Amino acid sequence: MENKTGKYLKYAVGEIFLVVVGILIALQINNWNEGRKNNELVKVYCQQLSDDLLVDLEVLDLTMSRLDEVDEMGMYLLNFLNNKLEVVDTLKLKTSLLLSASAFAFSPNQLAYDDLIQSGNINLLKDKDLKKLLGRYYTVSSIEKENDDQRIRYSAELADSRFKHINPLMLRENLKRALNYEKETAIPIDSYYVNWEALKSDKDYILKLGRVLAIQIPQKAEMSSEKWNIREILELMDNNILKK
């Protein structure tokens, strides 16, 4: 009887051991499957983020190119108003008067990032450096918002101050060209009269023009910084996630 009891206990312990091992193996397989699914989901999100960021790079390049054009035209106009041009191109001068008050702003494409945050899947990202970089890039600080509002306000004030010296229809024709609307029948810009002498005497306008030209410098610096942030994020996702 003692031998039978001992054998029964050994058998029962062995059965329990096998059950426990089976459960642990099942849990390990389940965890492995969940981890694999999470890793695939992270790759999907990173690919979407990468696509958004590449579009942002293109937009930044285009915006900075336009800012360079506006800056060049604005400086041409300012030099004319300060009597620093030896040769005056009238058409370029009128074009600079129209473009110098242009304002540009940049906002990241946040579709993938917003989905990542709202779904709570941001917690699937184990790379702390990547999470920090994404948060920094997609979060607009109060100072950045204030700077953007200031640029738009300064440009609007400069644009409004032109109406004392030009025919408003000149602006209309310029917008028609910009929107490719009735381009064939649009009246040439250089046919409109501009009171250049009055504009040269308008110290308030010259001050506003100088102010707009000044704020474009930090704006281009900010955009260059955004491009650097994008490239850093893309490199981190590419090396640590997408290529694995």
Protein backbone atom coordinates (compact mmCIF):
# COMPACT_ATOMS: atom_id res chain seq x y z
CA MET A 1 0.00 0.00 0.00
CA GLU A 2 2.82 2.38 0.85
CA ASN A 3 4.49 1.63 -2.48
CA LYS A 4 1.22 2.21 -4.34
CA THR A 5 0.62 5.50 -2.47
CA GLY A 6 4.14 6.69 -3.25
CA LYS A 7 3.76 5.84 -6.94
CA TYR A 8 0.38 7.63 -7.03
CA LEU A 9 1.85 10.75 -5.46
CA LYS A 10 4.75 10.76 -7.89
CA TYR A 11 2.33 10.32 -10.77
CA ALA A 12 0.10 13.17 -9.48
CA VAL A 13 3.08 15.47 -8.99
CA GLY A 14 4.30 14.62 -12.48
CA GLU A 15 0.88 15.40 -13.93
CA ILE A 16 0.74 18.72 -12.11
CA PHE A 17 4.25 19.54 -13.31
CA LEU A 18 3.32 18.78 -16.91
CA VAL A 19 0.19 20.95 -16.63
CA VAL A 20 2.18 23.85 -15.19
CA VAL A 21 4.83 23.54 -17.89
CA GLY A 22 2.11 23.42 -20.54
CA ILE A 23 0.51 26.56 -19.16
CA LEU A 24 3.85 28.37 -19.05
CA ILE A 25 4.62 27.36 -22.62
CA ALA A 26 1.18 28.54 -23.75
CA LEU A 27 1.67 31.86 -21.98
CA GLN A 28 5.10 32.24 -23.55
CA ILE A 29 3.70 31.55 -27.02
CA ASN A 30 0.84 33.98 -26.40
CA ASN A 31 3.26 36.67 -25.20
CA TRP A 32 5.47 36.03 -28.23
CA ASN A 33 2.48 36.37 -30.55
CA GLU A 34 1.35 39.58 -28.82
CA GLY A 35 4.86 40.97 -28.99
CA ARG A 36 5.10 40.11 -32.68
CA LYS A 37 1.72 41.76 -33.37
CA ASN A 38 2.77 44.87 -31.40
CA ASN A 39 6.06 45.08 -33.27
CA GLU A 40 4.22 44.85 -36.60
CA LEU A 41 1.78 47.53 -35.46
CA VAL A 42 4.68 49.79 -34.44
CA LYS A 43 6.21 49.30 -37.90
CA VAL A 44 2.92 50.27 -39.53
CA TYR A 45 2.72 53.44 -37.44
CA CYS A 46 6.35 54.31 -38.11
CA GLN A 47 5.83 53.88 -41.84
CA GLN A 48 2.82 56.20 -41.67
CA LEU A 49 4.83 58.69 -39.62
CA SER A 50 7.65 58.44 -42.13
CA ASP A 51 5.27 59.19 -45.01
CA ASP A 52 3.88 62.23 -43.17
CA LEU A 53 7.35 63.51 -42.32
CA LEU A 54 8.60 63.18 -45.89
CA VAL A 55 5.65 65.29 -47.03
CA ASP A 56 6.51 67.81 -44.30
CA LEU A 57 10.06 68.01 -45.65
CA GLU A 58 8.77 68.82 -49.12
CA VAL A 59 6.42 71.48 -47.74
CA LEU A 60 9.23 73.03 -45.68
CA ASP A 61 11.55 73.13 -48.68
CA LEU A 62 8.85 74.80 -50.78
CA THR A 63 7.94 77.28 -48.02
CA MET A 64 11.56 78.23 -47.41
CA SER A 65 12.06 78.72 -51.14
CA ARG A 66 9.09 81.09 -51.20
CA LEU A 67 10.42 82.90 -48.14
CA ASP A 68 13.74 83.39 -49.91
CA GLU A 69 11.90 84.86 -52.90
CA VAL A 70 9.83 87.18 -50.70
CA ASP A 71 12.96 88.21 -48.79
CA GLU A 72 14.79 89.01 -52.03
CA MET A 73 11.88 91.03 -53.38
CA GLY A 74 11.40 92.81 -50.07
CA MET A 75 15.05 93.81 -49.92
CA TYR A 76 14.86 95.05 -53.51
CA LEU A 77 11.89 97.23 -52.58
CA LEU A 78 13.57 98.48 -49.40
CA ASN A 79 16.72 99.42 -51.29
CA PHE A 80 14.62 101.34 -53.79
CA LEU A 81 12.76 103.20 -51.06
CA ASN A 82 16.09 104.11 -49.49
CA ASN A 83 17.48 105.28 -52.87
CA LYS A 84 20.11 102.54 -53.02
CA LEU A 85 19.32 101.19 -56.50
CA GLU A 86 21.33 102.47 -59.42
CA VAL A 87 19.13 100.74 -62.01
CA VAL A 88 15.41 100.26 -61.39
CA ASP A 89 13.39 97.43 -62.93
CA THR A 90 9.83 98.80 -62.77
CA LEU A 91 8.11 95.44 -63.24
CA LYS A 92 10.27 93.81 -60.57
CA LEU A 93 9.62 96.76 -58.29
CA LYS A 94 5.85 96.43 -58.63
CA THR A 95 6.09 92.68 -58.16
CA SER A 96 8.15 93.22 -55.01
CA LEU A 97 5.49 95.57 -53.70
CA LEU A 98 2.93 92.79 -54.12
CA LEU A 99 5.04 89.92 -52.75
CA SER A 100 6.78 91.62 -49.85
CA ALA A 101 3.71 91.35 -47.60
CA SER A 102 3.29 87.60 -48.16
CA ALA A 103 3.08 85.53 -44.99
CA PHE A 104 3.87 81.83 -44.71
CA ALA A 105 3.29 79.42 -41.85
CA PHE A 106 4.06 75.73 -41.43
CA SER A 107 2.03 73.11 -39.59
CA PRO A 108 3.09 69.45 -39.42
CA ASN A 109 0.85 66.76 -40.89
CA GLN A 110 -0.33 65.06 -37.68
CA LEU A 111 -2.70 62.35 -38.93
CA ALA A 112 -0.53 59.37 -37.98
CA TYR A 113 0.74 60.94 -34.76
CA ASP A 114 -2.74 61.91 -33.58
CA ASP A 115 -3.95 58.36 -34.21
CA LEU A 116 -0.96 57.02 -32.28
CA ILE A 117 -1.80 59.25 -29.30
CA GLN A 118 -5.59 58.89 -29.30
CA SER A 119 -5.44 55.09 -29.62
CA GLY A 120 -2.98 54.83 -26.75
CA ASN A 121 -0.59 52.91 -29.00
CA ILE A 122 2.12 55.47 -28.28
CA ASN A 123 2.91 53.20 -25.32
CA LEU A 124 3.98 50.50 -27.77
CA LEU A 125 7.01 52.61 -28.68
CA LYS A 126 9.81 51.39 -26.46
CA ASP A 127 12.40 53.78 -27.84
CA LYS A 128 12.37 56.68 -25.37
CA ASP A 129 14.47 58.90 -27.62
CA LEU A 130 11.99 58.44 -30.48
CA LYS A 131 9.00 59.26 -28.27
CA LYS A 132 10.77 62.39 -27.03
CA LEU A 133 11.64 63.55 -30.55
CA LEU A 134 8.09 62.94 -31.79
CA GLY A 135 6.61 64.84 -28.87
CA ARG A 136 8.95 67.77 -29.44
CA TYR A 137 8.24 67.92 -33.16
CA TYR A 138 4.45 67.65 -32.98
CA THR A 139 3.92 69.90 -29.96
CA VAL A 140 3.51 73.59 -30.78
CA SER A 141 4.70 75.72 -27.88
CA SER A 142 2.95 78.92 -26.84
CA ILE A 143 6.02 80.88 -27.99
CA GLU A 144 5.90 79.31 -31.47
CA LYS A 145 2.18 80.07 -31.72
CA GLU A 146 2.79 83.66 -30.61
CA ASN A 147 5.59 84.06 -33.17
CA ASP A 148 3.38 82.77 -35.99
CA ASP A 149 0.55 85.10 -34.99
CA GLN A 150 3.00 88.00 -34.86
CA ARG A 151 4.33 87.29 -38.36
CA ILE A 152 0.84 87.11 -39.81
CA ARG A 153 -0.13 90.35 -38.05
CA TYR A 154 2.96 92.22 -39.24
CA SER A 155 2.45 91.04 -42.83
CA ALA A 156 -1.23 92.02 -42.74
CA GLU A 157 -0.35 95.50 -41.45
CA LEU A 158 2.21 95.92 -44.23
CA ALA A 159 -0.29 94.74 -46.84
CA ASP A 160 -2.95 97.19 -45.61
CA SER A 161 -0.57 100.15 -45.68
CA ARG A 162 0.00 99.73 -49.45
CA PHE A 163 -3.52 100.80 -50.38
CA LYS A 164 -2.65 104.48 -49.91
CA HIS A 165 -0.18 104.32 -52.78
CA ILE A 166 -1.48 101.77 -55.32
CA ASN A 167 -4.60 100.94 -57.27
CA PRO A 168 -6.43 98.12 -55.42
CA LEU A 169 -7.13 96.46 -58.77
CA MET A 170 -3.41 95.81 -59.02
CA LEU A 171 -3.73 93.41 -56.09
CA ARG A 172 -6.75 91.80 -57.70
CA GLU A 173 -4.87 91.14 -60.92
CA ASN A 174 -1.97 89.68 -58.97
CA LEU A 175 -4.31 87.27 -57.17
CA LYS A 176 -5.86 86.24 -60.47
CA ARG A 177 -2.41 85.33 -61.72
CA ALA A 178 -1.48 83.52 -58.52
CA LEU A 179 -4.66 81.41 -58.73
CA ASN A 180 -4.33 80.99 -62.52
CA TYR A 181 -7.74 82.60 -62.86
CA GLU A 182 -8.47 84.43 -66.13
CA LYS A 183 -4.74 84.47 -66.74
CA GLU A 184 -5.16 85.15 -70.44
CA THR A 185 -7.25 88.29 -69.93
CA ALA A 186 -5.51 89.61 -66.82
CA ILE A 187 -4.34 93.22 -67.06
CA PRO A 188 -0.52 93.48 -66.91
CA ILE A 189 0.76 94.48 -63.48
CA ASP A 190 3.16 97.05 -64.89
CA SER A 191 0.25 98.98 -66.43
CA TYR A 192 -0.98 100.10 -63.00
CA TYR A 193 0.19 103.37 -61.50
CA VAL A 194 2.09 103.42 -58.20
CA ASN A 195 2.86 106.65 -56.38
CA TRP A 196 6.49 105.83 -55.70
CA GLU A 197 7.40 109.26 -54.35
CA ALA A 198 4.63 109.10 -51.78
CA LEU A 199 5.71 105.57 -50.87
CA LYS A 200 9.29 106.73 -50.35
CA SER A 201 8.02 109.44 -48.01
CA ASP A 202 5.86 106.98 -46.03
CA LYS A 203 8.14 106.28 -43.07
CA ASP A 204 5.52 104.07 -41.43
CA TYR A 205 5.41 101.80 -44.48
CA ILE A 206 9.21 101.56 -44.62
CA LEU A 207 9.29 100.69 -40.91
CA LYS A 208 6.68 97.95 -41.39
CA LEU A 209 8.55 96.57 -44.39
CA GLY A 210 11.77 96.40 -42.39
CA ARG A 211 9.93 94.68 -39.55
CA VAL A 212 8.53 92.00 -41.88
CA LEU A 213 11.95 91.42 -43.43
CA ALA A 214 13.44 91.06 -39.96
CA ILE A 215 10.98 88.42 -38.69
CA GLN A 216 11.60 86.26 -41.75
CA ILE A 217 15.13 85.49 -40.51
CA PRO A 218 14.10 83.62 -37.32
CA GLN A 219 11.26 81.99 -39.25
CA LYS A 220 13.69 80.45 -41.73
CA ALA A 221 15.90 79.40 -38.82
CA GLU A 222 12.92 77.68 -37.17
CA MET A 223 12.09 75.86 -40.39
CA SER A 224 15.68 74.72 -40.75
CA SER A 225 15.46 73.36 -37.21
CA GLU A 226 12.21 71.53 -38.08
CA LYS A 227 13.94 69.91 -41.07
CA TRP A 228 16.78 68.78 -38.83
CA ASN A 229 14.27 67.28 -36.35
CA ILE A 230 12.49 65.43 -39.15
CA ARG A 231 15.70 63.90 -40.46
CA GLU A 232 16.68 62.82 -36.96
CA ILE A 233 13.30 61.11 -36.43
CA LEU A 234 13.42 59.42 -39.84
CA GLU A 235 16.92 58.09 -39.21
CA LEU A 236 15.97 56.76 -35.78
CA MET A 237 12.83 55.00 -37.05
CA ASP A 238 14.64 53.64 -40.08
CA ASN A 239 17.60 52.19 -38.16
CA ASN A 240 15.82 50.97 -35.03
CA ILE A 241 12.40 49.87 -36.29
CA LEU A 242 11.70 49.79 -40.01
CA LYS A 243 14.84 47.90 -41.04
CA LYS A 244 14.53 45.28 -38.31
